């Protein structure tokens, strides 16, 4: 089993757990074609949860899915800490409808932000949207203030560049 752990300074307002077959990475680069019935589709799971006074987001997969999951995670890992929270929110809403949100947080969002997130969530329930290119592109929505404390790889190595922005460990 491989895992990529993102530790947050406080519990996230959005908690979820799901698994999916990544068709593209966070740069919009295709990783696998789910319409190709000759391949064995690669699966990755993810969870966002409270861990005491902190929060955590964990991605996990089996080693036989490294060919898809490591490039998927590497495209996330290369993002600076300052961009990561918004990328993860887009990813959560795009990928699963199994979201649990802090009511005060949701009710505190303006209507434009809630509508944008609802549009993304409606994509997760529509299988044809899996074919849309660059699903995780930035739409300008900024709705969380998560502080990234650390990022850790378990069971694999990303071979990170020596100079990565924002203190990725």
N, C-alpha and C. Protein backbone atom coordinates (compact mmCIF):
# COMPACT_ATOMS: atom_id res chain seq x y z
N UNK A 1 0.85 -1.18 0.00
CA UNK A 1 0.00 0.00 0.00
C UNK A 1 0.89 1.24 0.00
N UNK A 2 0.52 2.21 -0.80
CA UNK A 2 1.20 3.51 -0.86
C UNK A 2 0.26 4.57 -0.29
N UNK A 3 0.82 5.58 0.32
CA UNK A 3 -0.01 6.68 0.84
C UNK A 3 0.72 8.00 0.72
N UNK A 4 -0.05 9.05 0.55
CA UNK A 4 0.44 10.42 0.52
C UNK A 4 -0.41 11.18 1.53
N UNK A 5 0.23 11.70 2.57
CA UNK A 5 -0.46 12.36 3.67
C UNK A 5 -0.17 13.85 3.65
N UNK A 6 -1.24 14.63 3.68
CA UNK A 6 -1.14 16.08 3.82
C UNK A 6 -1.70 16.41 5.20
N UNK A 7 -0.85 16.95 6.06
CA UNK A 7 -1.28 17.32 7.42
C UNK A 7 -1.65 18.79 7.45
N UNK A 8 -2.81 19.09 8.01
CA UNK A 8 -3.32 20.46 8.14
C UNK A 8 -3.21 20.93 9.58
N UNK A 9 -3.13 22.23 9.78
CA UNK A 9 -2.99 22.79 11.12
C UNK A 9 -4.29 22.71 11.93
N UNK A 10 -5.42 22.50 11.27
CA UNK A 10 -6.70 22.35 11.97
C UNK A 10 -7.61 21.46 11.12
N UNK A 11 -8.68 20.93 11.71
CA UNK A 11 -9.57 20.06 10.94
C UNK A 11 -10.19 20.81 9.76
N UNK A 12 -10.30 20.16 8.63
CA UNK A 12 -10.89 20.82 7.46
C UNK A 12 -12.41 20.96 7.61
N UNK A 13 -12.95 22.00 6.98
CA UNK A 13 -14.40 22.21 6.99
C UNK A 13 -15.13 21.22 6.09
N UNK A 14 -14.39 20.56 5.22
CA UNK A 14 -14.96 19.59 4.28
C UNK A 14 -14.30 18.24 4.57
N UNK A 15 -15.12 17.26 4.90
CA UNK A 15 -14.59 15.92 5.14
C UNK A 15 -15.25 14.97 4.16
N UNK A 16 -14.45 14.04 3.67
CA UNK A 16 -14.96 13.11 2.66
C UNK A 16 -14.11 11.86 2.63
N UNK A 17 -14.64 10.86 1.97
CA UNK A 17 -13.89 9.63 1.75
C UNK A 17 -14.46 8.98 0.51
N UNK A 18 -13.59 8.61 -0.42
CA UNK A 18 -14.04 8.01 -1.67
C UNK A 18 -12.86 7.36 -2.37
N UNK A 19 -13.14 6.68 -3.44
CA UNK A 19 -12.10 6.19 -4.33
C UNK A 19 -12.58 6.42 -5.75
N UNK A 20 -11.63 6.51 -6.67
CA UNK A 20 -11.99 6.76 -8.06
C UNK A 20 -10.84 6.33 -8.96
N UNK A 21 -11.10 6.30 -10.24
CA UNK A 21 -10.11 5.97 -11.26
C UNK A 21 -9.64 7.28 -11.88
N UNK A 22 -8.45 7.77 -11.52
CA UNK A 22 -8.00 9.05 -12.07
C UNK A 22 -7.75 8.96 -13.58
N UNK A 23 -8.42 9.80 -14.33
CA UNK A 23 -8.24 9.83 -15.78
C UNK A 23 -7.21 10.86 -16.20
N UNK A 24 -6.96 11.84 -15.32
CA UNK A 24 -5.99 12.88 -15.62
C UNK A 24 -5.36 13.38 -14.33
N UNK A 25 -4.21 14.03 -14.46
CA UNK A 25 -3.58 14.60 -13.27
C UNK A 25 -4.07 16.04 -13.07
N UNK A 26 -3.47 16.74 -12.14
CA UNK A 26 -3.92 18.09 -11.82
C UNK A 26 -3.49 19.13 -12.85
N UNK A 27 -2.72 18.72 -13.84
CA UNK A 27 -2.34 19.59 -14.95
C UNK A 27 -3.18 19.29 -16.20
N UNK A 28 -4.13 18.36 -16.09
CA UNK A 28 -4.96 18.00 -17.23
C UNK A 28 -4.33 16.96 -18.15
N UNK A 29 -3.22 16.35 -17.75
CA UNK A 29 -2.55 15.33 -18.57
C UNK A 29 -3.23 13.98 -18.36
N UNK A 30 -3.60 13.33 -19.45
CA UNK A 30 -4.30 12.05 -19.35
C UNK A 30 -3.40 10.99 -18.73
N UNK A 31 -3.98 10.24 -17.78
CA UNK A 31 -3.27 9.17 -17.09
C UNK A 31 -3.75 7.78 -17.52
N UNK A 32 -5.04 7.67 -17.77
CA UNK A 32 -5.61 6.42 -18.24
C UNK A 32 -6.92 6.73 -18.94
N UNK A 33 -7.25 5.89 -19.90
CA UNK A 33 -8.47 6.05 -20.68
C UNK A 33 -9.44 4.97 -20.24
N UNK A 34 -10.48 5.36 -19.52
CA UNK A 34 -11.43 4.39 -19.00
C UNK A 34 -12.30 3.78 -20.08
N UNK A 35 -12.26 4.34 -21.28
CA UNK A 35 -13.00 3.76 -22.40
C UNK A 35 -12.22 2.63 -23.09
N UNK A 36 -10.95 2.52 -22.74
CA UNK A 36 -10.10 1.46 -23.30
C UNK A 36 -10.29 0.19 -22.48
N UNK A 37 -11.05 -0.73 -23.01
CA UNK A 37 -11.39 -1.94 -22.27
C UNK A 37 -10.25 -2.95 -22.23
N UNK A 38 -9.13 -2.64 -22.85
CA UNK A 38 -7.97 -3.54 -22.81
C UNK A 38 -7.08 -3.29 -21.60
N UNK A 39 -7.33 -2.21 -20.86
CA UNK A 39 -6.49 -1.90 -19.69
C UNK A 39 -7.19 -2.33 -18.41
N UNK A 40 -6.40 -2.52 -17.38
CA UNK A 40 -6.93 -2.68 -16.03
C UNK A 40 -6.88 -1.30 -15.40
N UNK A 41 -8.04 -0.75 -15.13
CA UNK A 41 -8.11 0.61 -14.59
C UNK A 41 -7.48 0.67 -13.20
N UNK A 42 -6.77 1.76 -12.95
CA UNK A 42 -6.05 1.98 -11.70
C UNK A 42 -6.90 2.84 -10.77
N UNK A 43 -6.93 2.46 -9.50
CA UNK A 43 -7.80 3.06 -8.51
C UNK A 43 -6.98 3.73 -7.41
N UNK A 44 -7.49 4.87 -6.92
CA UNK A 44 -6.88 5.55 -5.77
C UNK A 44 -8.01 5.96 -4.83
N UNK A 45 -7.75 5.85 -3.54
CA UNK A 45 -8.71 6.29 -2.53
C UNK A 45 -8.21 7.55 -1.85
N UNK A 46 -9.14 8.32 -1.28
CA UNK A 46 -8.74 9.53 -0.55
C UNK A 46 -9.72 9.79 0.57
N UNK A 47 -9.22 10.42 1.61
CA UNK A 47 -10.04 10.79 2.76
C UNK A 47 -9.57 12.13 3.29
N UNK A 48 -10.50 12.90 3.80
CA UNK A 48 -10.23 14.17 4.46
C UNK A 48 -10.91 14.08 5.82
N UNK A 49 -10.16 14.30 6.91
CA UNK A 49 -10.75 14.06 8.22
C UNK A 49 -10.02 14.85 9.32
N UNK A 50 -10.67 14.91 10.48
CA UNK A 50 -10.06 15.52 11.66
C UNK A 50 -9.13 14.49 12.28
N UNK A 51 -8.00 14.97 12.77
CA UNK A 51 -7.02 14.13 13.46
C UNK A 51 -6.62 14.87 14.73
N UNK A 52 -7.44 14.75 15.75
CA UNK A 52 -7.23 15.53 16.97
C UNK A 52 -7.47 17.00 16.67
N UNK A 53 -6.51 17.84 17.03
CA UNK A 53 -6.62 19.28 16.76
C UNK A 53 -6.21 19.63 15.35
N UNK A 54 -5.70 18.65 14.60
CA UNK A 54 -5.24 18.86 13.24
C UNK A 54 -6.23 18.27 12.25
N UNK A 55 -5.88 18.38 10.99
CA UNK A 55 -6.63 17.74 9.93
C UNK A 55 -5.69 16.94 9.06
N UNK A 56 -6.25 16.04 8.29
CA UNK A 56 -5.42 15.23 7.40
C UNK A 56 -6.19 14.94 6.12
N UNK A 57 -5.43 14.86 5.06
CA UNK A 57 -5.95 14.40 3.77
C UNK A 57 -4.99 13.31 3.32
N UNK A 58 -5.54 12.14 3.05
CA UNK A 58 -4.71 10.99 2.71
C UNK A 58 -5.18 10.39 1.40
N UNK A 59 -4.24 10.15 0.51
CA UNK A 59 -4.47 9.42 -0.73
C UNK A 59 -3.78 8.07 -0.57
N UNK A 60 -4.45 6.97 -0.94
CA UNK A 60 -3.85 5.63 -0.82
C UNK A 60 -4.18 4.79 -2.04
N UNK A 61 -3.25 3.90 -2.39
CA UNK A 61 -3.43 3.01 -3.53
C UNK A 61 -2.53 1.80 -3.37
N UNK A 62 -2.78 0.78 -4.16
CA UNK A 62 -1.94 -0.41 -4.17
C UNK A 62 -0.79 -0.23 -5.14
N UNK A 63 0.32 -0.90 -4.89
CA UNK A 63 1.52 -0.72 -5.70
C UNK A 63 1.31 -1.05 -7.17
N UNK A 64 0.35 -1.92 -7.50
CA UNK A 64 0.14 -2.23 -8.92
C UNK A 64 -0.53 -1.08 -9.67
N UNK A 65 -0.87 -0.01 -8.95
CA UNK A 65 -1.44 1.18 -9.58
C UNK A 65 -0.46 2.35 -9.62
N UNK A 66 0.80 2.08 -9.29
CA UNK A 66 1.82 3.13 -9.28
C UNK A 66 1.92 3.90 -10.60
N UNK A 67 1.75 3.19 -11.72
CA UNK A 67 1.93 3.84 -13.03
C UNK A 67 0.96 4.98 -13.27
N UNK A 68 -0.20 4.96 -12.61
CA UNK A 68 -1.18 6.04 -12.72
C UNK A 68 -1.17 6.92 -11.47
N UNK A 69 -1.12 6.30 -10.31
CA UNK A 69 -1.29 7.05 -9.06
C UNK A 69 -0.08 7.92 -8.69
N UNK A 70 1.14 7.44 -8.94
CA UNK A 70 2.29 8.29 -8.62
C UNK A 70 2.31 9.55 -9.49
N UNK A 71 2.10 9.46 -10.82
CA UNK A 71 2.04 10.71 -11.59
C UNK A 71 0.88 11.63 -11.15
N UNK A 72 -0.23 11.05 -10.73
CA UNK A 72 -1.35 11.83 -10.23
C UNK A 72 -0.92 12.60 -8.97
N UNK A 73 -0.33 11.89 -8.02
CA UNK A 73 0.12 12.52 -6.77
C UNK A 73 1.26 13.49 -7.02
N UNK A 74 2.17 13.16 -7.91
CA UNK A 74 3.30 14.06 -8.20
C UNK A 74 2.80 15.41 -8.71
N UNK A 75 1.75 15.39 -9.55
CA UNK A 75 1.21 16.66 -10.07
C UNK A 75 0.59 17.50 -8.96
N UNK A 76 0.11 16.85 -7.91
CA UNK A 76 -0.41 17.56 -6.74
C UNK A 76 0.74 18.05 -5.86
N UNK A 77 1.71 17.19 -5.66
CA UNK A 77 2.85 17.50 -4.79
C UNK A 77 3.67 18.68 -5.30
N UNK A 78 3.70 18.87 -6.59
CA UNK A 78 4.47 19.98 -7.16
C UNK A 78 3.84 21.35 -6.92
N UNK A 79 2.58 21.36 -6.48
CA UNK A 79 1.90 22.64 -6.21
C UNK A 79 2.39 23.22 -4.89
N UNK A 80 2.55 24.53 -4.82
CA UNK A 80 2.96 25.15 -3.55
C UNK A 80 1.85 25.05 -2.50
N UNK A 81 2.25 25.07 -1.24
CA UNK A 81 1.30 24.99 -0.13
C UNK A 81 0.18 26.02 -0.27
N UNK A 82 0.50 27.21 -0.76
CA UNK A 82 -0.49 28.29 -0.87
C UNK A 82 -1.62 27.95 -1.84
N UNK A 83 -1.37 27.10 -2.83
CA UNK A 83 -2.40 26.72 -3.82
C UNK A 83 -3.14 25.45 -3.45
N UNK A 84 -2.53 24.64 -2.61
CA UNK A 84 -3.04 23.30 -2.35
C UNK A 84 -4.47 23.26 -1.79
N UNK A 85 -4.84 24.09 -0.81
CA UNK A 85 -6.20 24.01 -0.28
C UNK A 85 -7.29 24.19 -1.35
N UNK A 86 -7.14 25.17 -2.21
CA UNK A 86 -8.16 25.41 -3.24
C UNK A 86 -8.18 24.29 -4.27
N UNK A 87 -7.02 23.74 -4.60
CA UNK A 87 -6.95 22.60 -5.52
C UNK A 87 -7.71 21.42 -4.92
N UNK A 88 -7.48 21.17 -3.64
CA UNK A 88 -8.14 20.04 -2.98
C UNK A 88 -9.65 20.23 -2.91
N UNK A 89 -10.12 21.44 -2.64
CA UNK A 89 -11.57 21.69 -2.62
C UNK A 89 -12.16 21.41 -4.00
N UNK A 90 -11.51 21.90 -5.06
CA UNK A 90 -12.01 21.62 -6.41
C UNK A 90 -12.04 20.11 -6.65
N UNK A 91 -10.98 19.43 -6.27
CA UNK A 91 -10.89 17.99 -6.45
C UNK A 91 -12.01 17.28 -5.69
N UNK A 92 -12.23 17.62 -4.42
CA UNK A 92 -13.27 16.96 -3.63
C UNK A 92 -14.64 17.12 -4.29
N UNK A 93 -14.98 18.35 -4.65
CA UNK A 93 -16.30 18.61 -5.22
C UNK A 93 -16.45 18.01 -6.62
N UNK A 94 -15.37 17.90 -7.36
CA UNK A 94 -15.40 17.32 -8.71
C UNK A 94 -15.49 15.80 -8.67
N UNK A 95 -14.97 15.20 -7.61
CA UNK A 95 -14.76 13.75 -7.61
C UNK A 95 -15.81 12.97 -6.84
N UNK A 96 -16.38 13.53 -5.80
CA UNK A 96 -17.33 12.75 -4.99
C UNK A 96 -18.48 13.62 -4.50
N UNK A 97 -19.62 12.99 -4.39
CA UNK A 97 -20.76 13.66 -3.76
C UNK A 97 -20.83 13.30 -2.28
N UNK A 98 -19.90 12.46 -1.83
CA UNK A 98 -19.84 12.01 -0.44
C UNK A 98 -19.06 13.02 0.40
N UNK A 99 -19.61 14.22 0.51
CA UNK A 99 -18.96 15.31 1.23
C UNK A 99 -19.75 15.65 2.50
N UNK A 100 -19.02 15.93 3.55
CA UNK A 100 -19.64 16.37 4.79
C UNK A 100 -19.00 17.71 5.13
N UNK A 101 -19.84 18.73 5.21
CA UNK A 101 -19.32 20.09 5.39
C UNK A 101 -19.78 20.68 6.71
N UNK A 102 -18.95 21.48 7.29
CA UNK A 102 -19.30 22.20 8.51
C UNK A 102 -20.41 23.19 8.14
N UNK A 103 -21.58 23.08 8.75
CA UNK A 103 -22.70 23.96 8.37
C UNK A 103 -22.37 25.44 8.42
N UNK A 104 -21.68 25.90 9.47
CA UNK A 104 -21.34 27.32 9.57
C UNK A 104 -20.48 27.78 8.40
N UNK A 105 -19.57 26.92 7.97
CA UNK A 105 -18.71 27.25 6.83
C UNK A 105 -19.56 27.39 5.58
N UNK A 106 -20.40 26.40 5.28
CA UNK A 106 -21.21 26.41 4.06
C UNK A 106 -22.14 27.62 4.05
N UNK A 107 -22.82 27.86 5.17
CA UNK A 107 -23.77 28.98 5.25
C UNK A 107 -23.06 30.33 5.18
N UNK A 108 -21.79 30.37 5.52
CA UNK A 108 -21.03 31.61 5.46
C UNK A 108 -20.50 31.96 4.07
N UNK A 109 -20.61 31.01 3.13
CA UNK A 109 -20.15 31.27 1.76
C UNK A 109 -21.15 32.15 1.02
N UNK A 110 -20.67 33.00 0.14
CA UNK A 110 -21.60 33.80 -0.67
C UNK A 110 -22.25 32.89 -1.72
N UNK A 111 -23.34 33.36 -2.29
CA UNK A 111 -24.13 32.56 -3.23
C UNK A 111 -23.33 32.17 -4.47
N UNK A 112 -22.49 33.06 -4.95
CA UNK A 112 -21.68 32.76 -6.13
C UNK A 112 -20.74 31.58 -5.87
N UNK A 113 -20.11 31.56 -4.70
CA UNK A 113 -19.19 30.47 -4.35
C UNK A 113 -19.95 29.17 -4.17
N UNK A 114 -21.08 29.22 -3.47
CA UNK A 114 -21.88 27.99 -3.30
C UNK A 114 -22.34 27.44 -4.64
N UNK A 115 -22.77 28.31 -5.53
CA UNK A 115 -23.21 27.86 -6.86
C UNK A 115 -22.08 27.20 -7.64
N UNK A 116 -20.88 27.77 -7.55
CA UNK A 116 -19.73 27.19 -8.25
C UNK A 116 -19.40 25.81 -7.69
N UNK A 117 -19.48 25.66 -6.38
CA UNK A 117 -19.20 24.36 -5.77
C UNK A 117 -20.29 23.34 -6.10
N UNK A 118 -21.54 23.78 -6.12
CA UNK A 118 -22.64 22.88 -6.48
C UNK A 118 -22.49 22.41 -7.92
N UNK A 119 -22.08 23.29 -8.83
CA UNK A 119 -21.84 22.88 -10.22
C UNK A 119 -20.76 21.80 -10.28
N UNK A 120 -19.70 22.00 -9.53
CA UNK A 120 -18.63 20.98 -9.50
C UNK A 120 -19.17 19.67 -8.93
N UNK A 121 -19.95 19.75 -7.88
CA UNK A 121 -20.48 18.52 -7.27
C UNK A 121 -21.41 17.79 -8.23
N UNK A 122 -22.18 18.53 -9.01
CA UNK A 122 -23.08 17.87 -9.96
C UNK A 122 -22.29 17.11 -11.02
N UNK A 123 -21.07 17.54 -11.28
CA UNK A 123 -20.20 16.80 -12.20
C UNK A 123 -19.84 15.43 -11.64
N UNK A 124 -19.64 15.35 -10.32
CA UNK A 124 -19.21 14.08 -9.72
C UNK A 124 -20.29 13.01 -9.84
N UNK A 125 -21.54 13.41 -9.95
CA UNK A 125 -22.63 12.45 -10.05
C UNK A 125 -22.94 12.08 -11.51
N UNK A 126 -22.24 12.70 -12.45
CA UNK A 126 -22.51 12.48 -13.87
C UNK A 126 -21.32 11.76 -14.51
N UNK A 127 -21.45 10.45 -14.80
CA UNK A 127 -20.31 9.70 -15.35
C UNK A 127 -19.73 10.27 -16.64
N UNK A 128 -20.53 10.95 -17.44
CA UNK A 128 -19.99 11.51 -18.69
C UNK A 128 -19.01 12.64 -18.41
N UNK A 129 -19.10 13.25 -17.23
CA UNK A 129 -18.18 14.34 -16.90
C UNK A 129 -16.76 13.82 -16.66
N UNK A 130 -16.63 12.51 -16.45
CA UNK A 130 -15.29 11.94 -16.28
C UNK A 130 -14.44 12.15 -17.52
N UNK A 131 -15.10 12.41 -18.63
CA UNK A 131 -14.39 12.58 -19.89
C UNK A 131 -13.99 14.02 -20.14
N UNK A 132 -14.49 14.94 -19.32
CA UNK A 132 -14.14 16.36 -19.49
C UNK A 132 -12.66 16.56 -19.21
N UNK A 133 -12.01 17.32 -20.06
CA UNK A 133 -10.58 17.57 -19.88
C UNK A 133 -10.34 18.67 -18.84
N UNK A 134 -9.27 18.50 -18.10
CA UNK A 134 -8.81 19.47 -17.10
C UNK A 134 -9.92 19.87 -16.13
N UNK A 135 -10.52 18.85 -15.51
CA UNK A 135 -11.63 19.05 -14.58
C UNK A 135 -11.26 19.89 -13.36
N UNK A 136 -9.99 19.87 -12.98
CA UNK A 136 -9.58 20.52 -11.74
C UNK A 136 -9.03 21.92 -11.96
N UNK A 137 -9.22 22.47 -13.14
CA UNK A 137 -8.67 23.80 -13.45
C UNK A 137 -9.22 24.85 -12.48
N UNK A 138 -8.41 25.86 -12.27
CA UNK A 138 -8.74 26.92 -11.33
C UNK A 138 -9.90 27.76 -11.87
N UNK A 139 -10.93 27.89 -11.05
CA UNK A 139 -12.08 28.71 -11.42
C UNK A 139 -12.15 29.99 -10.59
N UNK A 140 -11.10 30.26 -9.82
CA UNK A 140 -11.05 31.49 -9.03
C UNK A 140 -11.74 31.40 -7.68
N UNK A 141 -12.39 30.28 -7.37
CA UNK A 141 -13.09 30.14 -6.09
C UNK A 141 -12.07 29.93 -4.98
N UNK A 142 -12.17 30.76 -3.96
CA UNK A 142 -11.30 30.66 -2.78
C UNK A 142 -12.20 30.61 -1.57
N UNK A 143 -12.26 29.48 -0.90
CA UNK A 143 -13.26 29.36 0.17
C UNK A 143 -12.75 28.68 1.44
N UNK A 144 -11.48 28.28 1.48
CA UNK A 144 -10.93 27.70 2.70
C UNK A 144 -9.58 28.35 3.01
N UNK A 145 -9.22 28.28 4.27
CA UNK A 145 -7.94 28.83 4.70
C UNK A 145 -7.19 27.75 5.48
N UNK A 146 -6.83 26.69 4.77
CA UNK A 146 -6.12 25.59 5.40
C UNK A 146 -4.63 25.87 5.37
N UNK A 147 -3.98 25.64 6.48
CA UNK A 147 -2.54 25.78 6.58
C UNK A 147 -1.92 24.39 6.48
N UNK A 148 -1.07 24.20 5.50
CA UNK A 148 -0.40 22.91 5.29
C UNK A 148 0.78 22.82 6.25
N UNK A 149 0.78 21.81 7.10
CA UNK A 149 1.90 21.61 8.02
C UNK A 149 2.97 20.70 7.42
N UNK A 150 2.54 19.69 6.69
CA UNK A 150 3.53 18.78 6.09
C UNK A 150 2.87 17.93 5.01
N UNK A 151 3.73 17.34 4.20
CA UNK A 151 3.32 16.37 3.18
C UNK A 151 4.31 15.21 3.29
N UNK A 152 3.79 14.00 3.37
CA UNK A 152 4.65 12.84 3.58
C UNK A 152 4.23 11.70 2.65
N UNK A 153 5.23 11.05 2.07
CA UNK A 153 5.03 9.87 1.22
C UNK A 153 5.30 8.62 2.04
N UNK A 154 4.46 7.61 1.91
CA UNK A 154 4.67 6.33 2.56
C UNK A 154 4.68 5.23 1.51
N UNK A 155 5.76 4.48 1.45
CA UNK A 155 5.86 3.34 0.55
C UNK A 155 6.31 3.67 -0.86
N UNK A 156 6.64 4.92 -1.12
CA UNK A 156 7.11 5.35 -2.44
C UNK A 156 7.89 6.64 -2.29
N UNK A 157 8.60 7.01 -3.34
CA UNK A 157 9.41 8.23 -3.33
C UNK A 157 9.05 9.04 -4.57
N UNK A 158 8.79 10.31 -4.38
CA UNK A 158 8.46 11.18 -5.51
C UNK A 158 9.68 11.74 -6.20
N UNK A 159 10.85 11.54 -5.63
CA UNK A 159 12.08 12.10 -6.20
C UNK A 159 11.88 13.59 -6.49
N UNK A 160 11.57 14.31 -5.43
CA UNK A 160 11.27 15.75 -5.52
C UNK A 160 12.52 16.53 -5.93
N UNK A 161 12.30 17.62 -6.67
CA UNK A 161 13.42 18.53 -6.95
C UNK A 161 13.96 19.10 -5.63
N UNK A 162 15.23 19.44 -5.60
CA UNK A 162 15.84 19.92 -4.36
C UNK A 162 15.28 21.27 -3.93
N UNK A 163 14.79 22.06 -4.85
CA UNK A 163 14.25 23.38 -4.51
C UNK A 163 12.77 23.43 -4.87
N UNK A 164 11.92 23.08 -3.91
CA UNK A 164 10.48 23.15 -4.13
C UNK A 164 9.91 24.26 -3.26
N UNK A 165 9.03 25.05 -3.83
CA UNK A 165 8.49 26.23 -3.14
C UNK A 165 7.64 25.86 -1.93
N UNK A 166 7.53 26.78 -1.01
CA UNK A 166 6.62 26.71 0.13
C UNK A 166 6.89 25.58 1.10
N UNK A 167 8.10 25.12 1.20
CA UNK A 167 8.47 24.21 2.28
C UNK A 167 7.89 22.82 2.22
N UNK A 168 7.74 22.24 1.06
CA UNK A 168 7.26 20.87 0.96
C UNK A 168 8.33 19.95 1.49
N UNK A 169 7.97 19.06 2.42
CA UNK A 169 8.98 18.16 3.01
C UNK A 169 8.86 16.75 2.46
